[in-house]
Amino acid sequence: MATTGGGNTPALLVVCVLLGAAACATSYREIRLSEPAIAAAAGLQVEVQRVFLNDEVIDDGEGDNAALIVELTIANSGPQKYSVKASSLWCLLEVDTTRPNETRLLPPSVDGVGAFPGELPEPLLLEPMEVPAGQTRSFWILFRGYRFPDSDIPRRVLLNMPGAEGHPLQLVLADPARGTLRWNVAPKRSAWMIGLQNDSFVGSYLRASTSSTRIARIASAGPLLWDLGLTETLLVQSQGALISPTSSFSNVGLEAHLTLPVWKWGALLDPRRIGFYAGVETQFLTAIMPPAPPGVVVQPIVYGAFEPEVGLELDVGALRNAATPFPLYNAGRNPIPRWLLRYGYTHAWIGHGTTDGLVSSIRLAW
């Protein structure tokens, strides 16, 4: 594994910090129940329309920032207005009905009228839910989670709420004991990826080798995978027309790739795929100069580079859902790979000439 020139390292570190900060923003992913969750009593019918979990739960497991959002439709066919405090709704996580002391309660934190808007509104309120007689209203409510022992074991998920005329209502949202009552969640469609790449140029115009660090965003689009990222490279010239007192160059550039998997085998949650990829990289090579004498200004030596490449890609594994108290089932067929390896050919334009080369890289997604 190679390191890059020290002059560009701070830039890549700044980018990594910014990407990490962006990843901290809370987003919510819709969960599809495999069976309807409906309860009715005394002229009142409650149905769960949609469920959401924040990405931190799906990707990292139950934690102190966990959030479960339940979207309800309440139909009131009775003669009186139905009104209930949102604070009286509780989400229960049961691991075993014979051991009630291990049941966990997720308290309500925020609610709202209508469909969940996709993000939490300001200010955060917990207001009563009211449905006039003969009408139907929709509400959403957020239950705040937390880390607890054995939070990686799937549990029975229940929603308890007061009904009309004192009749309590209980909706079963998930039950691991019933194989068909599960939560279908789409796989991550994009992820961050970091990797190392080595290029060997063997043309008459330039003989050189490079070592680079890459950070990119990888995503799926139907059967295809694509990525777009930032590169930081150290090029060492053994023979060629590029001018540098140290025969070495550093650069920061941009890259993009498109992959079409062709052959697939292995388990659904641990697949292997081989496919063809094509990509391009653009960069500016800056000669690494020796220390200049005091008072002497050294003009930088810069070359532009354009490097298309094609080759084979091996994808190993897949980004999986974390173990949570919710029975999540990955419903996707084109997951983001955990690892990928590439080996290809490039015909690069560098400075005022062209050269052929071989490319090899390894990348890790998270």
Protein backbone atom coordinates (compact mmCIF):
# COMPACT_ATOMS: atom_id res chain seq x y z
CA MET A 1 0.00 0.00 0.00
CA ALA A 2 1.44 3.30 -1.06
CA THR A 3 1.33 6.77 0.32
CA THR A 4 1.08 9.97 -1.67
CA GLY A 5 3.04 13.16 -1.75
CA GLY A 6 2.84 15.24 1.39
CA GLY A 7 1.87 18.39 -0.45
CA ASN A 8 -1.63 17.14 -1.29
CA THR A 9 -2.40 15.12 1.82
CA PRO A 10 -4.08 17.98 3.75
CA ALA A 11 -6.48 18.55 0.85
CA LEU A 12 -7.63 14.94 0.88
CA LEU A 13 -7.93 14.99 4.67
CA VAL A 14 -10.15 18.08 4.46
CA VAL A 15 -12.35 16.33 1.91
CA CYS A 16 -12.63 13.26 4.17
CA VAL A 17 -13.68 15.44 7.10
CA LEU A 18 -16.32 17.18 4.99
CA LEU A 19 -17.66 13.86 3.71
CA GLY A 20 -17.82 12.52 7.26
CA ALA A 21 -19.77 15.58 8.36
CA ALA A 22 -22.20 15.13 5.48
CA ALA A 23 -22.69 11.50 6.47
CA CYS A 24 -23.80 12.64 9.94
CA ALA A 25 -26.93 14.32 8.55
CA THR A 26 -30.03 12.35 9.54
CA SER A 27 -32.00 10.74 6.73
CA TYR A 28 -34.89 8.26 6.85
CA ARG A 29 -35.55 5.17 4.77
CA GLU A 30 -39.03 3.77 4.14
CA ILE A 31 -39.78 0.25 5.35
CA ARG A 32 -42.47 -1.81 3.66
CA LEU A 33 -44.48 -4.17 5.86
CA SER A 34 -45.02 -7.55 4.23
CA GLU A 35 -48.53 -7.73 5.78
CA PRO A 36 -51.03 -4.99 6.67
CA ALA A 37 -51.12 -3.82 10.30
CA ILE A 38 -54.75 -3.02 11.15
CA ALA A 39 -56.72 -2.89 14.40
CA ALA A 40 -60.38 -1.97 14.95
CA ALA A 41 -62.75 -1.61 17.92
CA ALA A 42 -65.85 0.40 18.83
CA GLY A 43 -66.17 2.24 15.52
CA LEU A 44 -62.49 3.07 15.28
CA GLN A 45 -60.08 1.58 12.75
CA VAL A 46 -56.36 2.25 12.76
CA GLU A 47 -54.04 1.18 9.95
CA VAL A 48 -50.29 1.61 9.61
CA GLN A 49 -49.58 3.10 6.21
CA ARG A 50 -45.80 3.44 6.23
CA VAL A 51 -42.85 2.93 8.57
CA PHE A 52 -39.49 4.71 8.49
CA LEU A 53 -36.15 4.11 10.20
CA ASN A 54 -33.24 6.49 10.20
CA ASP A 55 -30.25 5.25 8.22
CA GLU A 56 -28.08 5.00 11.35
CA VAL A 57 -30.27 2.16 12.65
CA ILE A 58 -30.29 0.27 9.34
CA ASP A 59 -26.55 0.68 8.78
CA ASP A 60 -25.14 0.58 12.35
CA GLY A 61 -27.84 -0.97 14.58
CA GLU A 62 -29.91 0.32 17.47
CA GLY A 63 -28.28 3.29 19.20
CA ASP A 64 -29.05 6.38 21.24
CA ASN A 65 -30.01 8.30 18.08
CA ALA A 66 -32.37 5.61 16.77
CA ALA A 67 -35.68 6.80 15.38
CA LEU A 68 -38.74 4.77 14.33
CA ILE A 69 -41.48 6.69 12.53
CA VAL A 70 -44.94 5.18 12.14
CA GLU A 71 -47.50 6.69 9.78
CA LEU A 72 -51.12 6.00 10.79
CA THR A 73 -54.54 6.40 9.22
CA ILE A 74 -57.36 6.65 11.78
CA ALA A 75 -60.96 6.19 10.58
CA ASN A 76 -63.64 7.21 13.09
CA SER A 77 -67.09 5.84 12.23
CA GLY A 78 -68.41 6.44 15.76
CA PRO A 79 -70.74 9.23 16.92
CA GLN A 80 -68.11 11.07 18.99
CA LYS A 81 -64.87 12.83 18.18
CA TYR A 82 -61.84 10.66 18.85
CA SER A 83 -59.02 12.40 20.67
CA VAL A 84 -55.89 10.84 22.11
CA LYS A 85 -52.68 12.24 23.53
CA ALA A 86 -49.69 11.22 21.44
CA SER A 87 -47.77 10.60 24.65
CA SER A 88 -50.12 7.68 25.40
CA LEU A 89 -48.93 5.74 22.35
CA TRP A 90 -46.13 3.29 23.03
CA CYS A 91 -44.03 1.06 20.84
CA LEU A 92 -43.11 -2.24 22.53
CA LEU A 93 -40.23 -4.51 21.56
CA GLU A 94 -40.87 -8.04 22.87
CA VAL A 95 -38.22 -10.72 22.75
CA ASP A 96 -40.24 -13.35 24.64
CA THR A 97 -43.78 -13.08 26.02
CA THR A 98 -42.78 -15.32 28.95
CA ARG A 99 -40.12 -12.80 29.98
CA PRO A 100 -41.89 -9.43 30.17
CA ASN A 101 -38.97 -7.92 32.08
CA GLU A 102 -36.98 -8.00 28.81
CA THR A 103 -39.61 -6.01 26.90
CA ARG A 104 -38.37 -2.57 25.86
CA LEU A 105 -40.51 0.53 25.39
CA LEU A 106 -39.80 3.18 22.78
CA PRO A 107 -41.37 6.45 23.92
CA PRO A 108 -43.03 8.92 21.52
CA SER A 109 -41.00 12.02 20.85
CA VAL A 110 -42.50 14.01 17.95
CA ASP A 111 -45.69 13.78 15.90
CA GLY A 112 -47.48 15.56 13.11
CA VAL A 113 -50.60 15.63 10.96
CA GLY A 114 -50.67 14.04 7.51
CA ALA A 115 -47.95 12.05 5.79
CA PHE A 116 -44.43 12.10 7.15
CA PRO A 117 -42.63 14.91 5.23
CA GLY A 118 -39.28 13.11 5.10
CA GLU A 119 -37.58 15.26 7.73
CA LEU A 120 -38.46 16.53 11.17
CA PRO A 121 -40.23 19.90 11.22
CA GLU A 122 -39.39 22.76 13.54
CA PRO A 123 -40.38 23.20 16.29
CA LEU A 124 -40.54 19.61 17.56
CA LEU A 125 -43.97 19.07 19.14
CA LEU A 126 -45.99 16.21 20.63
CA GLU A 127 -49.61 17.23 20.08
CA PRO A 128 -52.95 15.38 20.53
CA MET A 129 -54.39 13.36 17.63
CA GLU A 130 -58.02 14.27 16.90
CA VAL A 131 -60.43 12.72 14.39
CA PRO A 132 -63.97 14.13 14.13
CA ALA A 133 -66.90 11.70 13.95
CA GLY A 134 -67.37 10.17 10.51
CA GLN A 135 -63.96 11.32 9.24
CA THR A 136 -60.54 9.85 8.50
CA ARG A 137 -57.25 11.53 9.34
CA SER A 138 -53.58 10.64 8.93
CA PHE A 139 -50.82 11.19 11.47
CA TRP A 140 -47.19 10.28 11.95
CA ILE A 141 -45.34 9.77 15.20
CA LEU A 142 -41.66 9.31 15.97
CA PHE A 143 -40.53 6.87 18.66
CA ARG A 144 -37.05 7.49 19.99
CA GLY A 145 -34.79 4.44 20.38
CA TYR A 146 -31.76 3.73 22.51
CA ARG A 147 -29.09 1.07 22.93
CA PHE A 148 -29.91 -1.81 25.28
CA PRO A 149 -28.58 -5.35 25.92
CA ASP A 150 -29.31 -7.81 23.11
CA SER A 151 -30.50 -5.01 20.83
CA ASP A 152 -29.23 -7.06 17.89
CA ILE A 153 -31.91 -9.74 18.40
CA PRO A 154 -35.06 -9.30 16.22
CA ARG A 155 -38.16 -8.74 18.38
CA ARG A 156 -41.91 -8.58 18.10
CA VAL A 157 -42.85 -4.95 17.45
CA LEU A 158 -46.20 -3.77 18.84
CA LEU A 159 -47.94 -0.42 18.77
CA ASN A 160 -50.29 0.14 21.72
CA MET A 161 -52.75 3.03 21.79
CA PRO A 162 -56.02 3.93 23.53
CA GLY A 163 -59.13 3.20 21.47
CA ALA A 164 -62.65 4.63 21.54
CA GLU A 165 -64.77 4.09 24.65
CA GLY A 166 -61.82 2.74 26.59
CA HIS A 167 -61.11 -0.15 24.21
CA PRO A 168 -57.31 -0.42 23.76
CA LEU A 169 -55.89 -1.09 20.32
CA GLN A 170 -52.79 -3.11 19.53
CA LEU A 171 -51.16 -3.30 16.13
CA VAL A 172 -48.54 -5.96 15.39
CA LEU A 173 -45.93 -4.33 13.16
CA ALA A 174 -43.45 -7.21 13.06
CA ASP A 175 -43.11 -10.71 14.48
CA PRO A 176 -39.99 -12.86 13.90
CA ALA A 177 -42.04 -15.93 14.90
CA ARG A 178 -44.12 -15.35 11.77
CA GLY A 179 -41.78 -15.66 8.83
CA THR A 180 -44.08 -13.69 6.56
CA LEU A 181 -44.43 -10.66 8.85
CA ARG A 182 -41.16 -8.89 8.18
CA TRP A 183 -39.93 -5.47 7.14
CA ASN A 184 -38.70 -5.12 3.57
CA VAL A 185 -36.05 -2.45 3.17
CA ALA A 186 -34.35 -1.41 -0.04
CA PRO A 187 -30.56 -1.74 0.03
CA LYS A 188 -28.34 1.30 0.16
CA ARG A 189 -28.25 2.87 -3.26
CA SER A 190 -25.03 4.77 -2.59
CA ALA A 191 -22.06 4.67 -0.24
CA TRP A 192 -18.62 6.14 0.28
CA MET A 193 -15.65 4.24 -1.05
CA ILE A 194 -11.93 4.56 -0.33
CA GLY A 195 -9.18 2.76 -2.18
CA LEU A 196 -5.64 2.45 -3.47
CA GLN A 197 -4.56 2.33 -7.12
CA ASN A 198 -1.30 1.66 -8.93
CA ASP A 199 -0.63 2.57 -12.58
CA SER A 200 2.34 1.39 -14.65
CA PHE A 201 3.06 3.37 -17.84
CA VAL A 202 5.21 1.55 -20.39
CA GLY A 203 5.05 3.69 -23.55
CA SER A 204 8.02 5.26 -25.35
CA TYR A 205 6.86 8.76 -24.37
CA LEU A 206 6.71 7.94 -20.65
CA ARG A 207 7.82 5.11 -18.42
CA ALA A 208 6.57 5.68 -14.90
CA SER A 209 4.62 4.24 -11.99
CA THR A 210 2.02 5.87 -9.80
CA SER A 211 0.55 5.21 -6.38
CA SER A 212 -2.67 6.96 -5.43
CA THR A 213 -5.34 7.23 -2.78
CA ARG A 214 -8.95 7.59 -3.89
CA ILE A 215 -12.18 8.53 -2.18
CA ALA A 216 -15.42 8.34 -4.14
CA ARG A 217 -19.17 8.02 -3.99
CA ILE A 218 -20.41 4.73 -5.44
CA ALA A 219 -24.05 4.15 -6.38
CA SER A 220 -26.27 1.70 -8.24
CA ALA A 221 -28.57 2.57 -11.12
CA GLY A 222 -30.56 -0.45 -12.24
CA PRO A 223 -28.06 -3.18 -13.21
CA LEU A 224 -25.17 -0.68 -13.36
CA LEU A 225 -22.76 0.67 -10.76
CA TRP A 226 -21.13 4.08 -11.08
CA ASP A 227 -18.70 6.09 -8.99
CA LEU A 228 -17.34 9.61 -8.94
CA GLY A 229 -14.46 10.67 -6.76
CA LEU A 230 -11.30 12.54 -5.89
CA THR A 231 -7.78 11.19 -6.44
CA GLU A 232 -4.41 12.03 -4.92
CA THR A 233 -1.38 10.61 -6.74
CA LEU A 234 2.39 10.37 -6.63
CA LEU A 235 3.98 9.69 -10.06
CA VAL A 236 7.63 8.64 -10.34
CA GLN A 237 9.15 8.81 -13.83
CA SER A 238 11.93 6.37 -14.72
CA GLN A 239 12.25 7.50 -18.34
CA GLY A 240 10.36 10.03 -20.38
CA ALA A 241 9.81 13.55 -21.61
CA LEU A 242 8.28 15.08 -18.48
CA ILE A 243 10.53 17.64 -16.77
CA SER A 244 11.09 17.42 -13.03
CA PRO A 245 14.35 17.84 -11.06
CA THR A 246 13.26 14.98 -8.80
CA SER A 247 11.64 12.85 -11.56
CA SER A 248 8.44 12.82 -9.49
CA PHE A 249 5.09 14.58 -9.58
CA SER A 250 2.11 14.98 -7.26
CA ASN A 251 -1.45 15.78 -8.18
CA VAL A 252 -5.09 15.92 -7.18
CA GLY A 253 -7.63 14.91 -9.80
CA LEU A 254 -11.15 13.67 -10.52
CA GLU A 255 -12.25 10.20 -11.62
CA ALA A 256 -15.46 8.53 -12.79
CA HIS A 257 -16.31 4.90 -13.63
CA LEU A 258 -19.25 2.87 -14.90
CA THR A 259 -19.50 -0.90 -14.28
CA LEU A 260 -21.76 -3.53 -15.83
CA PRO A 261 -21.75 -6.79 -13.77
CA VAL A 262 -22.10 -9.81 -16.07
CA TRP A 263 -21.53 -12.98 -14.03
CA LYS A 264 -22.89 -13.45 -10.51
CA TRP A 265 -22.68 -16.29 -8.01
CA GLY A 266 -22.77 -16.88 -4.27
CA ALA A 267 -25.32 -16.22 -1.51
CA LEU A 268 -27.78 -13.33 -1.73
CA LEU A 269 -26.14 -11.54 1.22
CA ASP A 270 -22.58 -12.42 0.17
CA PRO A 271 -22.50 -12.36 -3.63
CA ARG A 272 -19.60 -12.36 -6.09
CA ARG A 273 -19.83 -10.51 -9.39
CA ILE A 274 -17.51 -10.08 -12.36
CA GLY A 275 -18.13 -7.38 -14.91
CA PHE A 276 -16.66 -4.88 -17.33
CA TYR A 277 -15.88 -1.32 -16.36
CA ALA A 278 -14.88 1.87 -18.16
CA GLY A 279 -13.62 5.06 -16.60
CA VAL A 280 -11.73 8.28 -16.99
CA GLU A 281 -9.47 10.39 -14.80
CA THR A 282 -8.40 14.01 -15.27
CA GLN A 283 -5.61 15.57 -13.27
CA PHE A 284 -2.82 18.13 -13.12
CA LEU A 285 0.68 16.82 -12.44
CA THR A 286 2.89 19.23 -10.51
CA ALA A 287 6.62 18.53 -10.42
CA ILE A 288 8.00 17.98 -6.93
CA MET A 289 10.83 20.52 -6.64
CA PRO A 290 13.88 20.45 -4.35
CA PRO A 291 14.10 23.21 -1.72
CA ALA A 292 14.88 26.53 -3.38
CA PRO A 293 17.72 28.81 -2.18
CA PRO A 294 16.62 31.77 -0.03
CA GLY A 295 15.14 34.57 -2.09
CA VAL A 296 14.74 32.45 -5.22
CA VAL A 297 11.25 32.00 -6.65
CA VAL A 298 10.81 28.69 -8.47
CA GLN A 299 8.15 28.52 -11.16
CA PRO A 300 5.98 25.38 -10.88
CA ILE A 301 6.12 22.79 -13.66
CA VAL A 302 2.61 21.55 -14.40
CA TYR A 303 1.25 19.01 -16.90
CA GLY A 304 -2.34 18.12 -17.67
CA ALA A 305 -3.36 14.48 -17.89
CA PHE A 306 -6.39 12.70 -19.33
CA GLU A 307 -6.53 8.94 -18.65
CA PRO A 308 -9.40 6.78 -19.99
CA GLU A 309 -9.34 3.13 -18.92
CA VAL A 310 -11.24 -0.12 -19.47
CA GLY A 311 -10.97 -3.48 -17.75
CA LEU A 312 -12.46 -6.16 -15.53
CA GLU A 313 -13.97 -5.66 -12.09
CA LEU A 314 -14.54 -8.22 -9.32
CA ASP A 315 -17.14 -7.27 -6.68
CA VAL A 316 -16.97 -9.13 -3.37
CA GLY A 317 -19.72 -9.16 -0.74
CA ALA A 318 -22.41 -6.55 -0.20
CA LEU A 319 -23.21 -3.77 2.23
CA ARG A 320 -25.66 -5.40 4.65
CA ASN A 321 -28.26 -4.14 7.03
CA ALA A 322 -27.06 -4.09 10.63
CA ALA A 323 -28.46 -6.48 13.25
CA THR A 324 -31.36 -4.62 14.90
CA PRO A 325 -34.41 -5.43 17.06
CA PHE A 326 -36.46 -4.97 13.88
CA PRO A 327 -36.72 -7.96 11.47
CA LEU A 328 -35.28 -6.21 8.42
CA TYR A 329 -35.14 -8.04 5.11
CA ASN A 330 -33.00 -6.76 2.26
CA ALA A 331 -35.36 -6.56 -0.71
CA GLY A 332 -32.83 -5.43 -3.33
CA ARG A 333 -31.08 -7.37 -6.08
CA ASN A 334 -28.20 -5.03 -6.93
CA PRO A 335 -26.44 -4.18 -3.65
CA ILE A 336 -23.38 -1.99 -3.27
CA PRO A 337 -20.32 -4.28 -3.05
CA ARG A 338 -18.24 -4.35 0.13
CA TRP A 339 -14.97 -4.79 -1.78
CA LEU A 340 -14.09 -4.35 -5.42
CA LEU A 341 -10.93 -5.04 -7.39
CA ARG A 342 -10.14 -3.66 -10.85
CA TYR A 343 -7.53 -4.53 -13.44
CA GLY A 344 -7.47 -2.65 -16.69
CA TYR A 345 -5.70 -0.91 -19.55
CA THR A 346 -5.23 2.82 -20.12
CA HIS A 347 -4.05 4.90 -23.06
CA ALA A 348 -3.25 8.21 -21.38
CA TRP A 349 -2.62 11.72 -22.69
CA ILE A 350 -0.02 13.38 -20.42
CA GLY A 351 1.53 16.68 -21.33
CA HIS A 352 2.22 16.69 -25.08
CA GLY A 353 2.30 12.92 -25.66
CA THR A 354 0.53 9.64 -25.05
CA THR A 355 1.49 6.45 -23.29
CA ASP A 356 0.02 3.03 -22.60
CA GLY A 357 -0.35 1.57 -19.15
CA LEU A 358 -1.84 -1.03 -16.85
CA VAL A 359 -4.12 -0.15 -13.93
CA SER A 360 -4.86 -2.11 -10.76
CA SER A 361 -6.88 -0.98 -7.74
CA ILE A 362 -8.65 -2.19 -4.63
CA ARG A 363 -11.51 -0.34 -2.92
CA LEU A 364 -13.59 -0.64 0.23
CA ALA A 365 -17.12 0.74 0.54
CA TRP A 366 -18.93 1.70 3.76
